[in-house]
PDB file of N, CA and C in Angstrom:
ATOM      1  N   UNK A   1       9.412  -7.085 -22.753  1.00  0.00           N
ATOM      2  CA  UNK A   1      10.336  -6.111 -22.224  1.00  0.00           C
ATOM      3  C   UNK A   1       9.730  -4.720 -22.362  1.00  0.00           C
ATOM      4  N   UNK A   2       9.826  -3.931 -21.319  1.00  0.00           N
ATOM      5  CA  UNK A   2       9.312  -2.569 -21.315  1.00  0.00           C
ATOM      6  C   UNK A   2      10.203  -1.663 -22.163  1.00  0.00           C
ATOM      7  N   UNK A   3       9.589  -0.736 -22.874  1.00  0.00           N
ATOM      8  CA  UNK A   3      10.330   0.266 -23.635  1.00  0.00           C
ATOM      9  C   UNK A   3      10.299   1.586 -22.876  1.00  0.00           C
ATOM     10  N   UNK A   4      11.459   2.180 -22.678  1.00  0.00           N
ATOM     11  CA  UNK A   4      11.545   3.510 -22.082  1.00  0.00           C
ATOM     12  C   UNK A   4      11.871   4.489 -23.190  1.00  0.00           C
ATOM     13  N   UNK A   5      11.046   5.524 -23.323  1.00  0.00           N
ATOM     14  CA  UNK A   5      11.205   6.511 -24.386  1.00  0.00           C
ATOM     15  C   UNK A   5      11.841   7.766 -23.813  1.00  0.00           C
ATOM     16  N   UNK A   6      12.943   8.172 -24.420  1.00  0.00           N
ATOM     17  CA  UNK A   6      13.642   9.406 -24.065  1.00  0.00           C
ATOM     18  C   UNK A   6      13.361  10.409 -25.171  1.00  0.00           C
ATOM     19  N   UNK A   7      12.838  11.574 -24.802  1.00  0.00           N
ATOM     20  CA  UNK A   7      12.477  12.585 -25.796  1.00  0.00           C
ATOM     21  C   UNK A   7      13.336  13.819 -25.573  1.00  0.00           C
ATOM     22  N   UNK A   8      14.036  14.239 -26.614  1.00  0.00           N
ATOM     23  CA  UNK A   8      14.834  15.458 -26.576  1.00  0.00           C
ATOM     24  C   UNK A   8      13.945  16.592 -27.062  1.00  0.00           C
ATOM     25  N   UNK A   9      13.892  17.684 -26.270  1.00  0.00           N
ATOM     26  CA  UNK A   9      13.035  18.806 -26.643  1.00  0.00           C
ATOM     27  C   UNK A   9      13.706  20.123 -26.305  1.00  0.00           C
ATOM     28  N   UNK A  10      13.218  21.164 -26.940  1.00  0.00           N
ATOM     29  CA  UNK A  10      13.763  22.506 -26.747  1.00  0.00           C
ATOM     30  C   UNK A  10      12.769  23.355 -25.971  1.00  0.00           C
ATOM     31  N   UNK A  11      13.303  24.110 -24.996  1.00  0.00           N
ATOM     32  CA  UNK A  11      12.481  25.036 -24.232  1.00  0.00           C
ATOM     33  C   UNK A  11      13.388  26.125 -23.675  1.00  0.00           C
ATOM     34  N   UNK A  12      12.966  27.366 -23.827  1.00  0.00           N
ATOM     35  CA  UNK A  12      13.702  28.516 -23.303  1.00  0.00           C
ATOM     36  C   UNK A  12      15.140  28.541 -23.803  1.00  0.00           C
ATOM     37  N   UNK A  13      15.325  28.305 -25.085  1.00  0.00           N
ATOM     38  CA  UNK A  13      16.640  28.349 -25.744  1.00  0.00           C
ATOM     39  C   UNK A  13      17.641  27.337 -25.192  1.00  0.00           C
ATOM     40  N   UNK A  14      17.147  26.269 -24.596  1.00  0.00           N
ATOM     41  CA  UNK A  14      17.981  25.182 -24.105  1.00  0.00           C
ATOM     42  C   UNK A  14      17.361  23.869 -24.544  1.00  0.00           C
ATOM     43  N   UNK A  15      18.146  22.793 -24.448  1.00  0.00           N
ATOM     44  CA  UNK A  15      17.676  21.463 -24.824  1.00  0.00           C
ATOM     45  C   UNK A  15      17.595  20.590 -23.578  1.00  0.00           C
ATOM     46  N   UNK A  16      16.584  19.754 -23.537  1.00  0.00           N
ATOM     47  CA  UNK A  16      16.286  18.941 -22.365  1.00  0.00           C
ATOM     48  C   UNK A  16      15.977  17.513 -22.796  1.00  0.00           C
ATOM     49  N   UNK A  17      16.097  16.588 -21.859  1.00  0.00           N
ATOM     50  CA  UNK A  17      15.707  15.198 -22.074  1.00  0.00           C
ATOM     51  C   UNK A  17      14.534  14.914 -21.154  1.00  0.00           C
ATOM     52  N   UNK A  18      13.451  14.409 -21.710  1.00  0.00           N
ATOM     53  CA  UNK A  18      12.293  14.015 -20.916  1.00  0.00           C
ATOM     54  C   UNK A  18      12.214  12.493 -20.907  1.00  0.00           C
ATOM     55  N   UNK A  19      12.108  11.918 -19.711  1.00  0.00           N
ATOM     56  CA  UNK A  19      11.913  10.477 -19.570  1.00  0.00           C
ATOM     57  C   UNK A  19      10.935  10.261 -18.423  1.00  0.00           C
ATOM     58  N   UNK A  20       9.857   9.595 -18.724  1.00  0.00           N
ATOM     59  CA  UNK A  20       8.821   9.306 -17.730  1.00  0.00           C
ATOM     60  C   UNK A  20       8.350  10.559 -17.007  1.00  0.00           C
ATOM     61  N   UNK A  21       8.238  11.678 -17.728  1.00  0.00           N
ATOM     62  CA  UNK A  21       7.735  12.914 -17.144  1.00  0.00           C
ATOM     63  C   UNK A  21       8.753  13.709 -16.344  1.00  0.00           C
ATOM     64  N   UNK A  22       9.987  13.245 -16.304  1.00  0.00           N
ATOM     65  CA  UNK A  22      11.051  13.978 -15.607  1.00  0.00           C
ATOM     66  C   UNK A  22      12.004  14.563 -16.646  1.00  0.00           C
ATOM     67  N   UNK A  23      12.429  15.787 -16.410  1.00  0.00           N
ATOM     68  CA  UNK A  23      13.351  16.421 -17.349  1.00  0.00           C
ATOM     69  C   UNK A  23      14.766  16.394 -16.798  1.00  0.00           C
ATOM     70  N   UNK A  24      15.718  16.292 -17.724  1.00  0.00           N
ATOM     71  CA  UNK A  24      17.140  16.294 -17.398  1.00  0.00           C
ATOM     72  C   UNK A  24      17.821  17.292 -18.319  1.00  0.00           C
ATOM     73  N   UNK A  25      18.733  18.051 -17.781  1.00  0.00           N
ATOM     74  CA  UNK A  25      19.427  19.045 -18.572  1.00  0.00           C
ATOM     75  C   UNK A  25      19.652  20.282 -17.728  1.00  0.00           C
ATOM     76  N   UNK A  26      19.921  21.374 -18.339  1.00  0.00           N
ATOM     77  CA  UNK A  26      19.834  21.666 -19.762  1.00  0.00           C
ATOM     78  C   UNK A  26      21.124  21.342 -20.515  1.00  0.00           C
ATOM     79  N   UNK A  27      20.993  21.298 -21.836  1.00  0.00           N
ATOM     80  CA  UNK A  27      22.113  21.125 -22.747  1.00  0.00           C
ATOM     81  C   UNK A  27      22.126  22.332 -23.676  1.00  0.00           C
ATOM     82  N   UNK A  28      23.292  22.682 -24.168  1.00  0.00           N
ATOM     83  CA  UNK A  28      23.422  23.844 -25.052  1.00  0.00           C
ATOM     84  C   UNK A  28      22.847  23.587 -26.444  1.00  0.00           C
ATOM     85  N   UNK A  29      23.000  22.344 -26.942  1.00  0.00           N
ATOM     86  CA  UNK A  29      22.542  22.043 -28.301  1.00  0.00           C
ATOM     87  C   UNK A  29      21.734  20.752 -28.316  1.00  0.00           C
ATOM     88  N   UNK A  30      20.993  20.582 -29.389  1.00  0.00           N
ATOM     89  CA  UNK A  30      20.222  19.351 -29.588  1.00  0.00           C
ATOM     90  C   UNK A  30      21.161  18.154 -29.655  1.00  0.00           C
ATOM     91  N   UNK A  31      22.262  18.297 -30.377  1.00  0.00           N
ATOM     92  CA  UNK A  31      23.202  17.184 -30.512  1.00  0.00           C
ATOM     93  C   UNK A  31      23.825  16.792 -29.176  1.00  0.00           C
ATOM     94  N   UNK A  32      24.123  17.767 -28.318  1.00  0.00           N
ATOM     95  CA  UNK A  32      24.645  17.451 -26.984  1.00  0.00           C
ATOM     96  C   UNK A  32      23.620  16.664 -26.167  1.00  0.00           C
ATOM     97  N   UNK A  33      22.360  17.041 -26.275  1.00  0.00           N
ATOM     98  CA  UNK A  33      21.308  16.325 -25.542  1.00  0.00           C
ATOM     99  C   UNK A  33      21.168  14.897 -26.067  1.00  0.00           C
ATOM    100  N   UNK A  34      21.205  14.717 -27.387  1.00  0.00           N
ATOM    101  CA  UNK A  34      21.117  13.374 -27.966  1.00  0.00           C
ATOM    102  C   UNK A  34      22.304  12.536 -27.520  1.00  0.00           C
ATOM    103  N   UNK A  35      23.506  13.092 -27.599  1.00  0.00           N
ATOM    104  CA  UNK A  35      24.702  12.368 -27.161  1.00  0.00           C
ATOM    105  C   UNK A  35      24.636  12.041 -25.673  1.00  0.00           C
ATOM    106  N   UNK A  36      24.103  12.973 -24.883  1.00  0.00           N
ATOM    107  CA  UNK A  36      23.990  12.755 -23.448  1.00  0.00           C
ATOM    108  C   UNK A  36      23.069  11.611 -23.096  1.00  0.00           C
ATOM    109  N   UNK A  37      21.935  11.542 -23.733  1.00  0.00           N
ATOM    110  CA  UNK A  37      20.993  10.460 -23.419  1.00  0.00           C
ATOM    111  C   UNK A  37      21.514   9.123 -23.931  1.00  0.00           C
ATOM    112  N   UNK A  38      22.144   9.094 -25.085  1.00  0.00           N
ATOM    113  CA  UNK A  38      22.704   7.837 -25.592  1.00  0.00           C
ATOM    114  C   UNK A  38      23.824   7.356 -24.672  1.00  0.00           C
ATOM    115  N   UNK A  39      24.642   8.283 -24.175  1.00  0.00           N
ATOM    116  CA  UNK A  39      25.689   7.899 -23.223  1.00  0.00           C
ATOM    117  C   UNK A  39      25.076   7.314 -21.954  1.00  0.00           C
ATOM    118  N   UNK A  40      24.002   7.917 -21.465  1.00  0.00           N
ATOM    119  CA  UNK A  40      23.349   7.405 -20.257  1.00  0.00           C
ATOM    120  C   UNK A  40      22.834   5.985 -20.436  1.00  0.00           C
ATOM    121  N   UNK A  41      22.156   5.724 -21.546  1.00  0.00           N
ATOM    122  CA  UNK A  41      21.555   4.401 -21.716  1.00  0.00           C
ATOM    123  C   UNK A  41      22.587   3.341 -22.084  1.00  0.00           C
ATOM    124  N   UNK A  42      23.735   3.748 -22.618  1.00  0.00           N
ATOM    125  CA  UNK A  42      24.749   2.743 -22.936  1.00  0.00           C
ATOM    126  C   UNK A  42      25.679   2.470 -21.757  1.00  0.00           C
ATOM    127  N   UNK A  43      25.877   3.449 -20.880  1.00  0.00           N
ATOM    128  CA  UNK A  43      26.766   3.272 -19.732  1.00  0.00           C
ATOM    129  C   UNK A  43      26.071   2.502 -18.615  1.00  0.00           C
ATOM    130  N   UNK A  44      24.811   2.854 -18.349  1.00  0.00           N
ATOM    131  CA  UNK A  44      24.086   2.211 -17.258  1.00  0.00           C
ATOM    132  C   UNK A  44      23.383   0.969 -17.759  1.00  0.00           C
ATOM    133  N   UNK A  45      23.337  -0.038 -16.932  1.00  0.00           N
ATOM    134  CA  UNK A  45      22.649  -1.286 -17.266  1.00  0.00           C
ATOM    135  C   UNK A  45      21.152  -1.065 -17.092  1.00  0.00           C
ATOM    136  N   UNK A  46      20.458  -0.861 -18.184  1.00  0.00           N
ATOM    137  CA  UNK A  46      19.014  -0.647 -18.103  1.00  0.00           C
ATOM    138  C   UNK A  46      18.306  -1.927 -18.503  1.00  0.00           C
ATOM    139  N   UNK A  47      17.289  -2.276 -17.748  1.00  0.00           N
ATOM    140  CA  UNK A  47      16.558  -3.506 -18.046  1.00  0.00           C
ATOM    141  C   UNK A  47      15.489  -3.264 -19.095  1.00  0.00           C
ATOM    142  N   UNK A  48      15.159  -1.994 -19.340  1.00  0.00           N
ATOM    143  CA  UNK A  48      14.178  -1.672 -20.366  1.00  0.00           C
ATOM    144  C   UNK A  48      14.869  -1.456 -21.712  1.00  0.00           C
ATOM    145  N   UNK A  49      14.082  -1.545 -22.762  1.00  0.00           N
ATOM    146  CA  UNK A  49      14.601  -1.243 -24.100  1.00  0.00           C
ATOM    147  C   UNK A  49      14.489   0.266 -24.311  1.00  0.00           C
ATOM    148  N   UNK A  50      15.604   0.985 -24.439  1.00  0.00           N
ATOM    149  CA  UNK A  50      15.547   2.439 -24.608  1.00  0.00           C
ATOM    150  C   UNK A  50      15.337   2.837 -26.068  1.00  0.00           C
ATOM    151  N   UNK A  51      14.572   3.911 -26.257  1.00  0.00           N
ATOM    152  CA  UNK A  51      14.421   4.537 -27.567  1.00  0.00           C
ATOM    153  C   UNK A  51      14.595   6.035 -27.374  1.00  0.00           C
ATOM    154  N   UNK A  52      15.385   6.668 -28.248  1.00  0.00           N
ATOM    155  CA  UNK A  52      15.674   8.091 -28.157  1.00  0.00           C
ATOM    156  C   UNK A  52      15.059   8.798 -29.358  1.00  0.00           C
ATOM    157  N   UNK A  53      14.222   9.791 -29.078  1.00  0.00           N
ATOM    158  CA  UNK A  53      13.573  10.581 -30.119  1.00  0.00           C
ATOM    159  C   UNK A  53      13.959  12.046 -29.972  1.00  0.00           C
ATOM    160  N   UNK A  54      14.135  12.724 -31.108  1.00  0.00           N
ATOM    161  CA  UNK A  54      14.466  14.147 -31.106  1.00  0.00           C
ATOM    162  C   UNK A  54      14.002  14.748 -32.426  1.00  0.00           C
ATOM    163  N   UNK A  55      13.796  16.062 -32.451  1.00  0.00           N
ATOM    164  CA  UNK A  55      13.441  16.687 -33.718  1.00  0.00           C
ATOM    165  C   UNK A  55      14.652  16.728 -34.651  1.00  0.00           C
ATOM    166  N   UNK A  56      14.392  16.491 -35.939  1.00  0.00           N
ATOM    167  CA  UNK A  56      15.473  16.616 -36.917  1.00  0.00           C
ATOM    168  C   UNK A  56      15.643  18.088 -37.281  1.00  0.00           C
ATOM    169  N   UNK A  57      16.461  18.387 -38.257  1.00  0.00           N
ATOM    170  CA  UNK A  57      16.753  19.780 -38.628  1.00  0.00           C
ATOM    171  C   UNK A  57      15.506  20.533 -39.113  1.00  0.00           C
ATOM    172  N   UNK A  58      14.507  19.786 -39.617  1.00  0.00           N
ATOM    173  CA  UNK A  58      13.271  20.405 -40.075  1.00  0.00           C
ATOM    174  C   UNK A  58      12.205  20.450 -38.982  1.00  0.00           C
ATOM    175  N   UNK A  59      12.517  19.927 -37.791  1.00  0.00           N
ATOM    176  CA  UNK A  59      11.572  19.963 -36.685  1.00  0.00           C
ATOM    177  C   UNK A  59      10.675  18.755 -36.559  1.00  0.00           C
ATOM    178  N   UNK A  60      10.859  17.739 -37.398  1.00  0.00           N
ATOM    179  CA  UNK A  60      10.056  16.521 -37.333  1.00  0.00           C
ATOM    180  C   UNK A  60      10.685  15.527 -36.353  1.00  0.00           C
ATOM    181  N   UNK A  61       9.860  14.939 -35.495  1.00  0.00           N
ATOM    182  CA  UNK A  61      10.371  13.952 -34.550  1.00  0.00           C
ATOM    183  C   UNK A  61      10.857  12.721 -35.303  1.00  0.00           C
ATOM    184  N   UNK A  62      12.009  12.206 -34.915  1.00  0.00           N
ATOM    185  CA  UNK A  62      12.496  10.963 -35.488  1.00  0.00           C
ATOM    186  C   UNK A  62      13.280  10.196 -34.432  1.00  0.00           C
ATOM    187  N   UNK A  63      13.378   8.904 -34.618  1.00  0.00           N
ATOM    188  CA  UNK A  63      14.119   8.072 -33.678  1.00  0.00           C
ATOM    189  C   UNK A  63      15.597   8.131 -34.030  1.00  0.00           C
ATOM    190  N   UNK A  64      16.420   8.459 -33.029  1.00  0.00           N
ATOM    191  CA  UNK A  64      17.861   8.552 -33.222  1.00  0.00           C
ATOM    192  C   UNK A  64      18.588   7.330 -32.701  1.00  0.00           C
ATOM    193  N   UNK A  65      17.971   6.613 -31.751  1.00  0.00           N
ATOM    194  CA  UNK A  65      18.646   5.441 -31.199  1.00  0.00           C
ATOM    195  C   UNK A  65      17.617   4.506 -30.617  1.00  0.00           C
ATOM    196  N   UNK A  66      17.658   3.217 -30.792  1.00  0.00           N
ATOM    197  CA  UNK A  66      18.641   2.567 -31.645  1.00  0.00           C
ATOM    198  C   UNK A  66      18.358   2.863 -33.113  1.00  0.00           C
ATOM    199  N   UNK A  67      19.389   2.881 -33.888  1.00  0.00           N
ATOM    200  CA  UNK A  67      19.254   3.149 -35.320  1.00  0.00           C
ATOM    201  C   UNK A  67      18.720   1.907 -35.977  1.00  0.00           C
ATOM    202  N   UNK A  68      17.669   2.090 -36.767  1.00  0.00           N
ATOM    203  CA  UNK A  68      17.080   0.915 -37.439  1.00  0.00           C
ATOM    204  C   UNK A  68      17.601   0.735 -38.841  1.00  0.00           C
TER     205      UNK A  68
END
């Protein structure tokens, strides 16, 4: 099964979701972007295994979904 990686990132004081080189957003906060991408992958029937990554409060990338 293919894994699709969703990366939450900050640029120009906004938050964005990057998937396969395409950006989605903007979102006002990091948490809104994380919630937005999790809502997308849970609502839509995706055939790939989704993984959501975002920086934590210290700026280190970590996986937010699925929670291990």
